[in-house]
PDB file of all heavy atoms in Angstrom:
ATOM      1  N   ALA A   1      11.456 -11.433   3.780  1.00  0.00           N
ATOM      2  CA  ALA A   1      10.419 -11.365   2.759  1.00  0.00           C
ATOM      3  C   ALA A   1       9.568 -10.127   2.996  1.00  0.00           C
ATOM      4  O   ALA A   1       9.449  -9.623   4.118  1.00  0.00           O
ATOM      5  CB  ALA A   1       9.548 -12.615   2.795  1.00  0.00           C
ATOM      6  N   TYR A   2       8.956  -9.629   1.900  1.00  0.00           N
ATOM      7  CA  TYR A   2       8.146  -8.408   1.953  1.00  0.00           C
ATOM      8  C   TYR A   2       6.916  -8.590   1.066  1.00  0.00           C
ATOM      9  O   TYR A   2       6.959  -9.301   0.065  1.00  0.00           O
ATOM     10  CB  TYR A   2       8.956  -7.205   1.467  1.00  0.00           C
ATOM     11  CG  TYR A   2      10.239  -7.010   2.221  1.00  0.00           C
ATOM     12  CD1 TYR A   2      11.407  -7.652   1.818  1.00  0.00           C
ATOM     13  CD2 TYR A   2      10.296  -6.197   3.353  1.00  0.00           C
ATOM     14  CE1 TYR A   2      12.600  -7.496   2.516  1.00  0.00           C
ATOM     15  CE2 TYR A   2      11.478  -6.042   4.057  1.00  0.00           C
ATOM     16  CZ  TYR A   2      12.626  -6.692   3.642  1.00  0.00           C
ATOM     17  OH  TYR A   2      13.798  -6.538   4.350  1.00  0.00           O
ATOM     18  N   ILE A   3       5.828  -7.938   1.470  1.00  0.00           N
ATOM     19  CA  ILE A   3       4.629  -7.934   0.645  1.00  0.00           C
ATOM     20  C   ILE A   3       4.292  -6.488   0.304  1.00  0.00           C
ATOM     21  O   ILE A   3       4.194  -5.630   1.185  1.00  0.00           O
ATOM     22  CB  ILE A   3       3.448  -8.646   1.344  1.00  0.00           C
ATOM     23  CG1 ILE A   3       2.252  -8.742   0.395  1.00  0.00           C
ATOM     24  CG2 ILE A   3       3.081  -8.016   2.677  1.00  0.00           C
ATOM     25  CD1 ILE A   3       1.159  -9.701   0.856  1.00  0.00           C
ATOM     26  N   LEU A   4       4.188  -6.196  -0.995  1.00  0.00           N
ATOM     27  CA  LEU A   4       3.873  -4.843  -1.441  1.00  0.00           C
ATOM     28  C   LEU A   4       2.607  -4.876  -2.278  1.00  0.00           C
ATOM     29  O   LEU A   4       2.247  -5.907  -2.853  1.00  0.00           O
ATOM     30  CB  LEU A   4       5.035  -4.224  -2.207  1.00  0.00           C
ATOM     31  CG  LEU A   4       5.522  -4.841  -3.512  1.00  0.00           C
ATOM     32  CD1 LEU A   4       6.295  -3.802  -4.322  1.00  0.00           C
ATOM     33  CD2 LEU A   4       6.439  -6.040  -3.242  1.00  0.00           C
ATOM     34  N   TYR A   5       1.916  -3.723  -2.389  1.00  0.00           N
ATOM     35  CA  TYR A   5       0.582  -3.714  -2.967  1.00  0.00           C
ATOM     36  C   TYR A   5       0.141  -2.290  -3.274  1.00  0.00           C
ATOM     37  O   TYR A   5       0.710  -1.301  -2.786  1.00  0.00           O
ATOM     38  CB  TYR A   5      -0.424  -4.375  -2.007  1.00  0.00           C
ATOM     39  CG  TYR A   5      -0.346  -3.856  -0.588  1.00  0.00           C
ATOM     40  CD1 TYR A   5      -1.213  -2.880  -0.129  1.00  0.00           C
ATOM     41  CD2 TYR A   5       0.627  -4.341   0.299  1.00  0.00           C
ATOM     42  CE1 TYR A   5      -1.126  -2.387   1.165  1.00  0.00           C
ATOM     43  CE2 TYR A   5       0.727  -3.861   1.593  1.00  0.00           C
ATOM     44  CZ  TYR A   5      -0.152  -2.889   2.023  1.00  0.00           C
ATOM     45  OH  TYR A   5      -0.046  -2.390   3.288  1.00  0.00           O
ATOM     46  N   ASN A   6      -0.891  -2.183  -4.088  1.00  0.00           N
ATOM     47  CA  ASN A   6      -1.553  -0.917  -4.382  1.00  0.00           C
ATOM     48  C   ASN A   6      -2.500  -0.593  -3.237  1.00  0.00           C
ATOM     49  O   ASN A   6      -3.255  -1.465  -2.788  1.00  0.00           O
ATOM     50  CB  ASN A   6      -2.317  -1.078  -5.709  1.00  0.00           C
ATOM     51  CG  ASN A   6      -3.384  -0.025  -5.945  1.00  0.00           C
ATOM     52  OD1 ASN A   6      -4.307   0.129  -5.157  1.00  0.00           O
ATOM     53  ND2 ASN A   6      -3.290   0.665  -7.063  1.00  0.00           N
ATOM     54  N   SER A   7      -2.469   0.643  -2.760  1.00  0.00           N
ATOM     55  CA  SER A   7      -3.319   1.009  -1.635  1.00  0.00           C
ATOM     56  C   SER A   7      -3.878   2.415  -1.808  1.00  0.00           C
ATOM     57  O   SER A   7      -3.655   3.079  -2.830  1.00  0.00           O
ATOM     58  CB  SER A   7      -2.532   0.906  -0.315  1.00  0.00           C
ATOM     59  OG  SER A   7      -3.412   0.978   0.802  1.00  0.00           O
ATOM     60  N   ASP A   8      -4.594   2.866  -0.775  1.00  0.00           N
ATOM     61  CA  ASP A   8      -5.250   4.164  -0.816  1.00  0.00           C
ATOM     62  C   ASP A   8      -4.255   5.310  -0.859  1.00  0.00           C
ATOM     63  O   ASP A   8      -3.072   5.154  -0.516  1.00  0.00           O
ATOM     64  CB  ASP A   8      -6.144   4.336   0.415  1.00  0.00           C
ATOM     65  CG  ASP A   8      -7.312   3.379   0.433  1.00  0.00           C
ATOM     66  OD1 ASP A   8      -7.903   3.153  -0.640  1.00  0.00           O
ATOM     67  OD2 ASP A   8      -7.634   2.841   1.509  1.00  0.00           O
ATOM     68  N   ALA A   9      -4.746   6.477  -1.225  1.00  0.00           N
ATOM     69  CA  ALA A   9      -3.961   7.705  -1.144  1.00  0.00           C
ATOM     70  C   ALA A   9      -3.613   7.987   0.322  1.00  0.00           C
ATOM     71  O   ALA A   9      -4.258   7.457   1.233  1.00  0.00           O
ATOM     72  CB  ALA A   9      -4.747   8.868  -1.735  1.00  0.00           C
ATOM     73  N   PRO A  10      -2.575   8.789   0.586  1.00  0.00           N
ATOM     74  CA  PRO A  10      -2.218   9.097   1.980  1.00  0.00           C
ATOM     75  C   PRO A  10      -3.416   9.622   2.766  1.00  0.00           C
ATOM     76  O   PRO A  10      -4.163  10.486   2.285  1.00  0.00           O
ATOM     77  CB  PRO A  10      -1.144  10.180   1.815  1.00  0.00           C
ATOM     78  CG  PRO A  10      -0.534   9.900   0.474  1.00  0.00           C
ATOM     79  CD  PRO A  10      -1.671   9.418  -0.369  1.00  0.00           C
ATOM     80  N   ASP A  11      -3.593   9.059   3.963  1.00  0.00           N
ATOM     81  CA  ASP A  11      -4.693   9.428   4.853  1.00  0.00           C
ATOM     82  C   ASP A  11      -6.066   9.259   4.204  1.00  0.00           C
ATOM     83  O   ASP A  11      -7.049   9.858   4.632  1.00  0.00           O
ATOM     84  CB  ASP A  11      -4.542  10.884   5.336  1.00  0.00           C
ATOM     85  CG  ASP A  11      -3.241  11.101   6.088  1.00  0.00           C
ATOM     86  OD1 ASP A  11      -2.874  10.204   6.875  1.00  0.00           O
ATOM     87  OD2 ASP A  11      -2.592  12.129   5.862  1.00  0.00           O
ATOM     88  N   ARG A  12      -6.111   8.439   3.134  1.00  0.00           N
ATOM     89  CA  ARG A  12      -7.346   8.213   2.385  1.00  0.00           C
ATOM     90  C   ARG A  12      -7.957   9.520   1.882  1.00  0.00           C
ATOM     91  O   ARG A  12      -9.189   9.683   1.812  1.00  0.00           O
ATOM     92  CB  ARG A  12      -8.360   7.441   3.229  1.00  0.00           C
ATOM     93  CG  ARG A  12      -7.884   6.036   3.583  1.00  0.00           C
ATOM     94  CD  ARG A  12      -8.972   5.206   4.197  1.00  0.00           C
ATOM     95  NE  ARG A  12      -8.519   3.845   4.451  1.00  0.00           N
ATOM     96  CZ  ARG A  12      -9.283   2.879   4.963  1.00  0.00           C
ATOM     97  NH1 ARG A  12     -10.548   3.144   5.286  1.00  0.00           N
ATOM     98  NH2 ARG A  12      -8.804   1.666   5.157  1.00  0.00           N
ATOM     99  N   LYS A  13      -7.095  10.458   1.507  1.00  0.00           N
ATOM    100  CA  LYS A  13      -7.536  11.750   0.985  1.00  0.00           C
ATOM    101  C   LYS A  13      -6.910  11.961  -0.396  1.00  0.00           C
ATOM    102  O   LYS A  13      -5.885  12.641  -0.533  1.00  0.00           O
ATOM    103  CB  LYS A  13      -7.142  12.884   1.943  1.00  0.00           C
ATOM    104  CG  LYS A  13      -7.828  12.794   3.311  1.00  0.00           C
ATOM    105  CD  LYS A  13      -7.361  13.910   4.226  1.00  0.00           C
ATOM    106  CE  LYS A  13      -8.039  13.809   5.589  1.00  0.00           C
ATOM    107  NZ  LYS A  13      -7.561  14.874   6.527  1.00  0.00           N
ATOM    108  N   PRO A  14      -7.505  11.365  -1.433  1.00  0.00           N
ATOM    109  CA  PRO A  14      -6.928  11.495  -2.767  1.00  0.00           C
ATOM    110  C   PRO A  14      -6.957  12.936  -3.264  1.00  0.00           C
ATOM    111  O   PRO A  14      -7.932  13.665  -3.046  1.00  0.00           O
ATOM    112  CB  PRO A  14      -7.813  10.587  -3.632  1.00  0.00           C
ATOM    113  CG  PRO A  14      -9.095  10.471  -2.886  1.00  0.00           C
ATOM    114  CD  PRO A  14      -8.733  10.543  -1.431  1.00  0.00           C
ATOM    115  N   LEU A  15      -5.880  13.322  -3.933  1.00  0.00           N
ATOM    116  CA  LEU A  15      -5.789  14.663  -4.503  1.00  0.00           C
ATOM    117  C   LEU A  15      -6.539  14.753  -5.821  1.00  0.00           C
ATOM    118  O   LEU A  15      -6.837  15.858  -6.288  1.00  0.00           O
ATOM    119  CB  LEU A  15      -4.320  15.035  -4.714  1.00  0.00           C
ATOM    120  CG  LEU A  15      -3.426  15.019  -3.465  1.00  0.00           C
ATOM    121  CD1 LEU A  15      -1.987  15.335  -3.838  1.00  0.00           C
ATOM    122  CD2 LEU A  15      -3.951  16.015  -2.429  1.00  0.00           C
ATOM    123  N   TYR A  16      -6.830  13.609  -6.427  1.00  0.00           N
ATOM    124  CA  TYR A  16      -7.516  13.558  -7.719  1.00  0.00           C
ATOM    125  C   TYR A  16      -7.983  12.116  -7.927  1.00  0.00           C
ATOM    126  O   TYR A  16      -7.491  11.198  -7.274  1.00  0.00           O
ATOM    127  CB  TYR A  16      -6.567  13.992  -8.850  1.00  0.00           C
ATOM    128  CG  TYR A  16      -5.251  13.241  -8.836  1.00  0.00           C
ATOM    129  CD1 TYR A  16      -5.112  12.009  -9.479  1.00  0.00           C
ATOM    130  CD2 TYR A  16      -4.152  13.750  -8.158  1.00  0.00           C
ATOM    131  CE1 TYR A  16      -3.925  11.312  -9.440  1.00  0.00           C
ATOM    132  CE2 TYR A  16      -2.952  13.059  -8.115  1.00  0.00           C
ATOM    133  CZ  TYR A  16      -2.845  11.838  -8.759  1.00  0.00           C
ATOM    134  OH  TYR A  16      -1.667  11.143  -8.722  1.00  0.00           O
ATOM    135  N   PRO A  17      -8.944  11.876  -8.829  1.00  0.00           N
ATOM    136  CA  PRO A  17      -9.395  10.497  -9.090  1.00  0.00           C
ATOM    137  C   PRO A  17      -8.246   9.624  -9.594  1.00  0.00           C
ATOM    138  O   PRO A  17      -7.480  10.040 -10.460  1.00  0.00           O
ATOM    139  CB  PRO A  17     -10.470  10.673 -10.170  1.00  0.00           C
ATOM    140  CG  PRO A  17     -10.940  12.082 -10.019  1.00  0.00           C
ATOM    141  CD  PRO A  17      -9.750  12.869  -9.572  1.00  0.00           C
ATOM    142  N   GLY A  18      -8.128   8.418  -9.042  1.00  0.00           N
ATOM    143  CA  GLY A  18      -7.050   7.516  -9.445  1.00  0.00           C
ATOM    144  C   GLY A  18      -5.760   7.708  -8.664  1.00  0.00           C
ATOM    145  O   GLY A  18      -4.758   7.039  -8.939  1.00  0.00           O
ATOM    146  N   HIS A  19      -5.752   8.615  -7.665  1.00  0.00           N
ATOM    147  CA  HIS A  19      -4.570   8.827  -6.826  1.00  0.00           C
ATOM    148  C   HIS A  19      -4.430   7.642  -5.861  1.00  0.00           C
ATOM    149  O   HIS A  19      -5.289   7.404  -5.010  1.00  0.00           O
ATOM    150  CB  HIS A  19      -4.726  10.129  -6.048  1.00  0.00           C
ATOM    151  CG  HIS A  19      -3.572  10.424  -5.130  1.00  0.00           C
ATOM    152  ND1 HIS A  19      -3.654  11.367  -4.132  1.00  0.00           N
ATOM    153  CD2 HIS A  19      -2.315   9.913  -5.054  1.00  0.00           C
ATOM    154  CE1 HIS A  19      -2.505  11.429  -3.479  1.00  0.00           C
ATOM    155  NE2 HIS A  19      -1.679  10.541  -4.019  1.00  0.00           N
ATOM    156  N   ARG A  20      -3.362   6.879  -6.021  1.00  0.00           N
ATOM    157  CA  ARG A  20      -3.126   5.698  -5.194  1.00  0.00           C
ATOM    158  C   ARG A  20      -1.677   5.693  -4.693  1.00  0.00           C
ATOM    159  O   ARG A  20      -0.874   6.563  -5.055  1.00  0.00           O
ATOM    160  CB  ARG A  20      -3.399   4.416  -5.997  1.00  0.00           C
ATOM    161  CG  ARG A  20      -4.790   4.313  -6.585  1.00  0.00           C
ATOM    162  CD  ARG A  20      -5.825   3.980  -5.549  1.00  0.00           C
ATOM    163  NE  ARG A  20      -5.719   2.584  -5.124  1.00  0.00           N
ATOM    164  CZ  ARG A  20      -6.470   2.030  -4.173  1.00  0.00           C
ATOM    165  NH1 ARG A  20      -7.368   2.747  -3.536  1.00  0.00           N
ATOM    166  NH2 ARG A  20      -6.332   0.759  -3.857  1.00  0.00           N
ATOM    167  N   THR A  21      -1.344   4.705  -3.893  1.00  0.00           N
ATOM    168  CA  THR A  21       0.012   4.560  -3.367  1.00  0.00           C
ATOM    169  C   THR A  21       0.465   3.112  -3.495  1.00  0.00           C
ATOM    170  O   THR A  21      -0.346   2.204  -3.663  1.00  0.00           O
ATOM    171  CB  THR A  21       0.092   4.966  -1.885  1.00  0.00           C
ATOM    172  OG1 THR A  21      -0.793   4.124  -1.124  1.00  0.00           O
ATOM    173  CG2 THR A  21      -0.276   6.423  -1.675  1.00  0.00           C
ATOM    174  N   ILE A  22       1.788   2.911  -3.385  1.00  0.00           N
ATOM    175  CA  ILE A  22       2.355   1.574  -3.210  1.00  0.00           C
ATOM    176  C   ILE A  22       2.865   1.493  -1.778  1.00  0.00           C
ATOM    177  O   ILE A  22       3.632   2.357  -1.329  1.00  0.00           O
ATOM    178  CB  ILE A  22       3.506   1.298  -4.197  1.00  0.00           C
ATOM    179  CG1 ILE A  22       3.011   1.380  -5.638  1.00  0.00           C
ATOM    180  CG2 ILE A  22       4.129  -0.065  -3.911  1.00  0.00           C
ATOM    181  CD1 ILE A  22       1.973   0.366  -6.014  1.00  0.00           C
ATOM    182  N   ARG A  23       2.455   0.449  -1.073  1.00  0.00           N
ATOM    183  CA  ARG A  23       2.844   0.281   0.326  1.00  0.00           C
ATOM    184  C   ARG A  23       3.422  -1.111   0.539  1.00  0.00           C
ATOM    185  O   ARG A  23       3.226  -2.013  -0.274  1.00  0.00           O
ATOM    186  CB  ARG A  23       1.642   0.507   1.245  1.00  0.00           C
ATOM    187  CG  ARG A  23       0.989   1.872   1.014  1.00  0.00           C
ATOM    188  CD  ARG A  23      -0.071   2.173   2.024  1.00  0.00           C
ATOM    189  NE  ARG A  23      -0.716   3.446   1.742  1.00  0.00           N
ATOM    190  CZ  ARG A  23      -1.372   4.184   2.629  1.00  0.00           C
ATOM    191  NH1 ARG A  23      -1.467   3.762   3.880  1.00  0.00           N
ATOM    192  NH2 ARG A  23      -1.926   5.311   2.285  1.00  0.00           N
ATOM    193  N   MET A  24       4.100  -1.292   1.674  1.00  0.00           N
ATOM    194  CA  MET A  24       4.773  -2.568   1.908  1.00  0.00           C
ATOM    195  C   MET A  24       4.857  -2.883   3.398  1.00  0.00           C
ATOM    196  O   MET A  24       4.998  -1.995   4.232  1.00  0.00           O
ATOM    197  CB  MET A  24       6.189  -2.520   1.313  1.00  0.00           C
ATOM    198  CG  MET A  24       6.927  -3.853   1.341  1.00  0.00           C
ATOM    199  SD  MET A  24       8.407  -3.827   0.291  1.00  0.00           S
ATOM    200  CE  MET A  24       9.550  -2.911   1.343  1.00  0.00           C
ATOM    201  N   TYR A  25       4.752  -4.170   3.699  1.00  0.00           N
ATOM    202  CA  TYR A  25       5.037  -4.734   5.018  1.00  0.00           C
ATOM    203  C   TYR A  25       6.186  -5.731   4.875  1.00  0.00           C
ATOM    204  O   TYR A  25       6.365  -6.343   3.816  1.00  0.00           O
ATOM    205  CB  TYR A  25       3.847  -5.540   5.544  1.00  0.00           C
ATOM    206  CG  TYR A  25       2.727  -4.788   6.215  1.00  0.00           C
ATOM    207  CD1 TYR A  25       1.549  -4.529   5.517  1.00  0.00           C
ATOM    208  CD2 TYR A  25       2.808  -4.395   7.548  1.00  0.00           C
ATOM    209  CE1 TYR A  25       0.478  -3.897   6.132  1.00  0.00           C
ATOM    210  CE2 TYR A  25       1.755  -3.755   8.171  1.00  0.00           C
ATOM    211  CZ  TYR A  25       0.589  -3.502   7.465  1.00  0.00           C
ATOM    212  OH  TYR A  25      -0.464  -2.863   8.087  1.00  0.00           O
ATOM    213  N   GLU A  26       6.914  -5.949   5.955  1.00  0.00           N
ATOM    214  CA  GLU A  26       7.731  -7.150   6.030  1.00  0.00           C
ATOM    215  C   GLU A  26       6.770  -8.325   6.196  1.00  0.00           C
ATOM    216  O   GLU A  26       5.662  -8.174   6.749  1.00  0.00           O
ATOM    217  CB  GLU A  26       8.714  -7.082   7.194  1.00  0.00           C
ATOM    218  CG  GLU A  26       9.725  -8.232   7.187  1.00  0.00           C
ATOM    219  CD  GLU A  26      10.766  -8.145   8.293  1.00  0.00           C
ATOM    220  OE1 GLU A  26      10.948  -7.049   8.873  1.00  0.00           O
ATOM    221  OE2 GLU A  26      11.389  -9.195   8.582  1.00  0.00           O
ATOM    222  N   PHE A  27       7.183  -9.508   5.713  1.00  0.00           N
ATOM    223  CA  PHE A  27       6.270 -10.651   5.693  1.00  0.00           C
ATOM    224  C   PHE A  27       6.924 -11.868   6.319  1.00  0.00           C
ATOM    225  O   PHE A  27       8.084 -12.189   6.038  1.00  0.00           O
ATOM    226  CB  PHE A  27       5.876 -10.964   4.239  1.00  0.00           C
ATOM    227  CG  PHE A  27       4.820 -12.014   4.099  1.00  0.00           C
ATOM    228  CD1 PHE A  27       3.509 -11.746   4.433  1.00  0.00           C
ATOM    229  CD2 PHE A  27       5.146 -13.288   3.634  1.00  0.00           C
ATOM    230  CE1 PHE A  27       2.524 -12.724   4.301  1.00  0.00           C
ATOM    231  CE2 PHE A  27       4.177 -14.266   3.498  1.00  0.00           C
ATOM    232  CZ  PHE A  27       2.859 -13.977   3.835  1.00  0.00           C
ATOM    233  N   ASP A  28       6.187 -12.546   7.178  1.00  0.00           N
ATOM    234  CA  ASP A  28       6.619 -13.793   7.805  1.00  0.00           C
ATOM    235  C   ASP A  28       6.188 -14.937   6.896  1.00  0.00           C
ATOM    236  O   ASP A  28       5.019 -15.346   6.892  1.00  0.00           O
ATOM    237  CB  ASP A  28       5.981 -13.912   9.194  1.00  0.00           C
ATOM    238  CG  ASP A  28       6.401 -15.183   9.926  1.00  0.00           C
ATOM    239  OD1 ASP A  28       6.940 -16.104   9.281  1.00  0.00           O
ATOM    240  OD2 ASP A  28       6.169 -15.260  11.152  1.00  0.00           O
ATOM    241  N   ALA A  29       7.121 -15.449   6.089  1.00  0.00           N
ATOM    242  CA  ALA A  29       6.785 -16.468   5.089  1.00  0.00           C
ATOM    243  C   ALA A  29       6.478 -17.821   5.716  1.00  0.00           C
ATOM    244  O   ALA A  29       5.851 -18.668   5.077  1.00  0.00           O
ATOM    245  CB  ALA A  29       7.927 -16.602   4.090  1.00  0.00           C
ATOM    246  N   LYS A  30       6.918 -18.030   6.940  1.00  0.00           N
ATOM    247  CA  LYS A  30       6.642 -19.300   7.614  1.00  0.00           C
ATOM    248  C   LYS A  30       5.232 -19.327   8.171  1.00  0.00           C
ATOM    249  O   LYS A  30       4.494 -20.311   8.002  1.00  0.00           O
ATOM    250  CB  LYS A  30       7.652 -19.537   8.737  1.00  0.00           C
ATOM    251  CG  LYS A  30       7.462 -20.864   9.448  1.00  0.00           C
ATOM    252  CD  LYS A  30       8.523 -21.071  10.527  1.00  0.00           C
ATOM    253  CE  LYS A  30       8.324 -22.403  11.256  1.00  0.00           C
ATOM    254  NZ  LYS A  30       9.341 -22.603  12.326  1.00  0.00           N
ATOM    255  N   ASN A  31       4.846 -18.254   8.828  1.00  0.00           N
ATOM    256  CA  ASN A  31       3.530 -18.189   9.463  1.00  0.00           C
ATOM    257  C   ASN A  31       2.491 -17.437   8.635  1.00  0.00           C
ATOM    258  O   ASN A  31       1.343 -17.281   9.067  1.00  0.00           O
ATOM    259  CB  ASN A  31       3.659 -17.548  10.845  1.00  0.00           C
ATOM    260  CG  ASN A  31       4.515 -18.387  11.786  1.00  0.00           C
ATOM    261  OD1 ASN A  31       4.185 -19.538  12.060  1.00  0.00           O
ATOM    262  ND2 ASN A  31       5.619 -17.824  12.258  1.00  0.00           N
TER     263      ASN A  31
END
């Protein structure tokens, strides 16, 4: 399982207003 989401720009340094990223972790669905 995986959890993905909208997150900050790389290194929290946006190149312009509204610059965001999609990021993901593997997810432990049991715990």
